[in-house]
Structure formats: C-alpha cells, structure tokens
Amino acid sequence: MAQQPGAGGWVTFLPLILIFIILYLFMILPQQRMMRKKQQMLQNLRRGDRVVTNGGLHGQITAVKDKTVKIKIAPNVEITVEKDSISRVVKPVESG
C-alpha cells in the first residue's frame, strides 16, 4: 500500500517544534521572568536603599527621579546614575 503524499508532512516538523518548545521553556521564559523582576526592583527603589551598580559601586540612594537616581558613595560624594545601571538592592545586615 502506497503512502499518501501529504499524510506524514507534519511529522517532519515535529523535531523543529520540540526544539522551539524546549528553547522557549529553558531560555526565553526565564529571561522574561528576570526582566520583569528587575523592572519591579527598579520601580520600587526608594531613598535610603543600599544598592550596587553594574560597575560595582556600592552606595545609598539619596534621591530618586524618573530615570535617574543619586547615590551617596562616600561622605560628601554623590553621583547620578541611570536607574537601569542599578544591578541589585543590598539587604542591610541585621545586628543582634
């Protein structure tokens, strides 16, 4: 019995579809989650938060504007950086 010409056509695309699903689950979805988490962190920046910039500078936020923040990195030394350059907020060390 001869096979019909279009009967198994979708089966040849099955490996490609599976590769795309695996790529989405292991690469794209986690990247989107990280981006959403960073955007939320940047929106929640407040005066007094201790932060680390992408360049490795540690400091305390003294002012927050729409796209920039002022960070005190030493006594009498403040710098203005883009919010996007903040890599993380540092939790204060609890004493006690």
C-alpha atoms as a PDB file:
ATOM      1  CA  MET A   1       0.000   0.000   0.000  1.00  0.00           C
ATOM      2  CA  ALA A   2       1.418   3.386  -1.013  1.00  0.00           C
ATOM      3  CA  GLN A   3       1.643   6.280   1.434  1.00  0.00           C
ATOM      4  CA  GLN A   4      -0.329   9.398   0.560  1.00  0.00           C
ATOM      5  CA  PRO A   5       1.884  12.388  -0.305  1.00  0.00           C
ATOM      6  CA  GLY A   6       0.683  14.808   2.438  1.00  0.00           C
ATOM      7  CA  ALA A   7      -0.200  12.371   5.223  1.00  0.00           C
ATOM      8  CA  GLY A   8       3.070  12.494   7.202  1.00  0.00           C
ATOM      9  CA  GLY A   9       4.164  16.034   6.351  1.00  0.00           C
ATOM     10  CA  TRP A  10       3.650  17.481   9.838  1.00  0.00           C
ATOM     11  CA  VAL A  11       5.713  14.658  11.355  1.00  0.00           C
ATOM     12  CA  THR A  12       8.826  16.030   9.663  1.00  0.00           C
ATOM     13  CA  PHE A  13       8.331  19.337  11.509  1.00  0.00           C
ATOM     14  CA  LEU A  14       7.858  17.657  14.898  1.00  0.00           C
ATOM     15  CA  PRO A  15      11.577  17.836  15.896  1.00  0.00           C
ATOM     16  CA  LEU A  16      11.681  21.532  14.963  1.00  0.00           C
ATOM     17  CA  ILE A  17       8.559  22.209  17.026  1.00  0.00           C
ATOM     18  CA  LEU A  18      10.014  20.316  20.004  1.00  0.00           C
ATOM     19  CA  ILE A  19      13.270  22.269  19.775  1.00  0.00           C
ATOM     20  CA  PHE A  20      11.339  25.557  19.795  1.00  0.00           C
ATOM     21  CA  ILE A  21       9.313  24.458  22.851  1.00  0.00           C
ATOM     22  CA  ILE A  22      12.468  23.450  24.723  1.00  0.00           C
ATOM     23  CA  LEU A  23      14.179  26.712  23.746  1.00  0.00           C
ATOM     24  CA  TYR A  24      11.184  28.688  24.994  1.00  0.00           C
ATOM     25  CA  LEU A  25      10.964  26.829  28.309  1.00  0.00           C
ATOM     26  CA  PHE A  26      14.666  26.910  29.166  1.00  0.00           C
ATOM     27  CA  MET A  27      15.853  30.215  27.680  1.00  0.00           C
ATOM     28  CA  ILE A  28      13.147  32.699  26.776  1.00  0.00           C
ATOM     29  CA  LEU A  29      10.737  32.216  29.699  1.00  0.00           C
ATOM     30  CA  PRO A  30      13.415  32.542  32.443  1.00  0.00           C
ATOM     31  CA  GLN A  31      14.841  35.643  30.706  1.00  0.00           C
ATOM     32  CA  GLN A  32      11.393  37.261  30.673  1.00  0.00           C
ATOM     33  CA  ARG A  33      10.948  36.471  34.378  1.00  0.00           C
ATOM     34  CA  MET A  34      14.323  38.051  35.190  1.00  0.00           C
ATOM     35  CA  MET A  35      13.436  41.176  33.190  1.00  0.00           C
ATOM     36  CA  ARG A  36      10.088  41.530  34.995  1.00  0.00           C
ATOM     37  CA  LYS A  37      11.801  41.062  38.373  1.00  0.00           C
ATOM     38  CA  LYS A  38      14.419  43.734  37.550  1.00  0.00           C
ATOM     39  CA  GLN A  39      11.759  46.192  36.331  1.00  0.00           C
ATOM     40  CA  GLN A  40       9.832  45.683  39.575  1.00  0.00           C
ATOM     41  CA  MET A  41      13.021  46.214  41.598  1.00  0.00           C
ATOM     42  CA  LEU A  42      13.770  49.457  39.707  1.00  0.00           C
ATOM     43  CA  GLN A  43      10.219  50.746  40.230  1.00  0.00           C
ATOM     44  CA  ASN A  44      10.457  50.066  43.968  1.00  0.00           C
ATOM     45  CA  LEU A  45      13.728  51.973  44.517  1.00  0.00           C
ATOM     46  CA  ARG A  46      13.386  54.333  47.473  1.00  0.00           C
ATOM     47  CA  ARG A  47      15.518  56.898  49.235  1.00  0.00           C
ATOM     48  CA  GLY A  48      17.727  55.136  51.768  1.00  0.00           C
ATOM     49  CA  ASP A  49      18.043  51.846  49.858  1.00  0.00           C
ATOM     50  CA  ARG A  50      21.564  50.458  49.659  1.00  0.00           C
ATOM     51  CA  VAL A  51      22.371  49.451  46.087  1.00  0.00           C
ATOM     52  CA  VAL A  52      25.118  48.075  43.853  1.00  0.00           C
ATOM     53  CA  THR A  53      25.586  49.391  40.318  1.00  0.00           C
ATOM     54  CA  ASN A  54      26.589  47.356  37.276  1.00  0.00           C
ATOM     55  CA  GLY A  55      30.061  48.889  37.651  1.00  0.00           C
ATOM     56  CA  GLY A  56      30.368  47.553  41.201  1.00  0.00           C
ATOM     57  CA  LEU A  57      29.862  50.821  43.095  1.00  0.00           C
ATOM     58  CA  HIS A  58      28.133  50.421  46.450  1.00  0.00           C
ATOM     59  CA  GLY A  59      26.130  53.278  47.905  1.00  0.00           C
ATOM     60  CA  GLN A  60      22.931  54.593  49.393  1.00  0.00           C
ATOM     61  CA  ILE A  61      20.190  56.257  47.350  1.00  0.00           C
ATOM     62  CA  THR A  62      19.634  59.898  48.323  1.00  0.00           C
ATOM     63  CA  ALA A  63      17.178  60.911  45.576  1.00  0.00           C
ATOM     64  CA  VAL A  64      15.014  59.118  43.016  1.00  0.00           C
ATOM     65  CA  LYS A  65      13.800  60.682  39.758  1.00  0.00           C
ATOM     66  CA  ASP A  66      12.023  59.206  36.734  1.00  0.00           C
ATOM     67  CA  LYS A  67      15.085  57.741  35.015  1.00  0.00           C
ATOM     68  CA  THR A  68      17.958  58.549  37.366  1.00  0.00           C
ATOM     69  CA  VAL A  69      18.963  58.144  40.996  1.00  0.00           C
ATOM     70  CA  LYS A  70      21.529  59.929  43.147  1.00  0.00           C
ATOM     71  CA  ILE A  71      23.765  57.624  45.121  1.00  0.00           C
ATOM     72  CA  LYS A  72      25.994  58.594  48.033  1.00  0.00           C
ATOM     73  CA  ILE A  73      29.150  56.519  47.657  1.00  0.00           C
ATOM     74  CA  ALA A  74      31.311  58.270  50.277  1.00  0.00           C
ATOM     75  CA  PRO A  75      30.957  61.171  52.697  1.00  0.00           C
ATOM     76  CA  ASN A  76      30.252  64.323  50.637  1.00  0.00           C
ATOM     77  CA  VAL A  77      30.376  62.320  47.369  1.00  0.00           C
ATOM     78  CA  GLU A  78      27.176  61.776  45.388  1.00  0.00           C
ATOM     79  CA  ILE A  79      26.844  60.516  41.848  1.00  0.00           C
ATOM     80  CA  THR A  80      23.877  60.458  39.492  1.00  0.00           C
ATOM     81  CA  VAL A  81      23.298  57.225  37.586  1.00  0.00           C
ATOM     82  CA  GLU A  82      20.618  55.812  35.305  1.00  0.00           C
ATOM     83  CA  LYS A  83      18.161  53.519  37.066  1.00  0.00           C
ATOM     84  CA  ASP A  84      18.990  50.783  34.556  1.00  0.00           C
ATOM     85  CA  SER A  85      22.570  50.713  35.851  1.00  0.00           C
ATOM     86  CA  ILE A  86      21.421  49.509  39.284  1.00  0.00           C
ATOM     87  CA  SER A  87      22.087  45.772  39.440  1.00  0.00           C
ATOM     88  CA  ARG A  88      20.662  44.984  42.867  1.00  0.00           C
ATOM     89  CA  VAL A  89      19.415  46.287  46.186  1.00  0.00           C
ATOM     90  CA  VAL A  90      21.512  45.146  49.147  1.00  0.00           C
ATOM     91  CA  LYS A  91      19.716  43.981  52.235  1.00  0.00           C
ATOM     92  CA  PRO A  92      21.036  45.628  55.413  1.00  0.00           C
ATOM     93  CA  VAL A  93      22.882  43.319  57.794  1.00  0.00           C
ATOM     94  CA  GLU A  94      20.842  42.810  60.922  1.00  0.00           C
ATOM     95  CA  SER A  95      22.721  43.114  64.186  1.00  0.00           C
ATOM     96  CA  GLY A  96      21.764  41.298  67.227  1.00  0.00           C
END
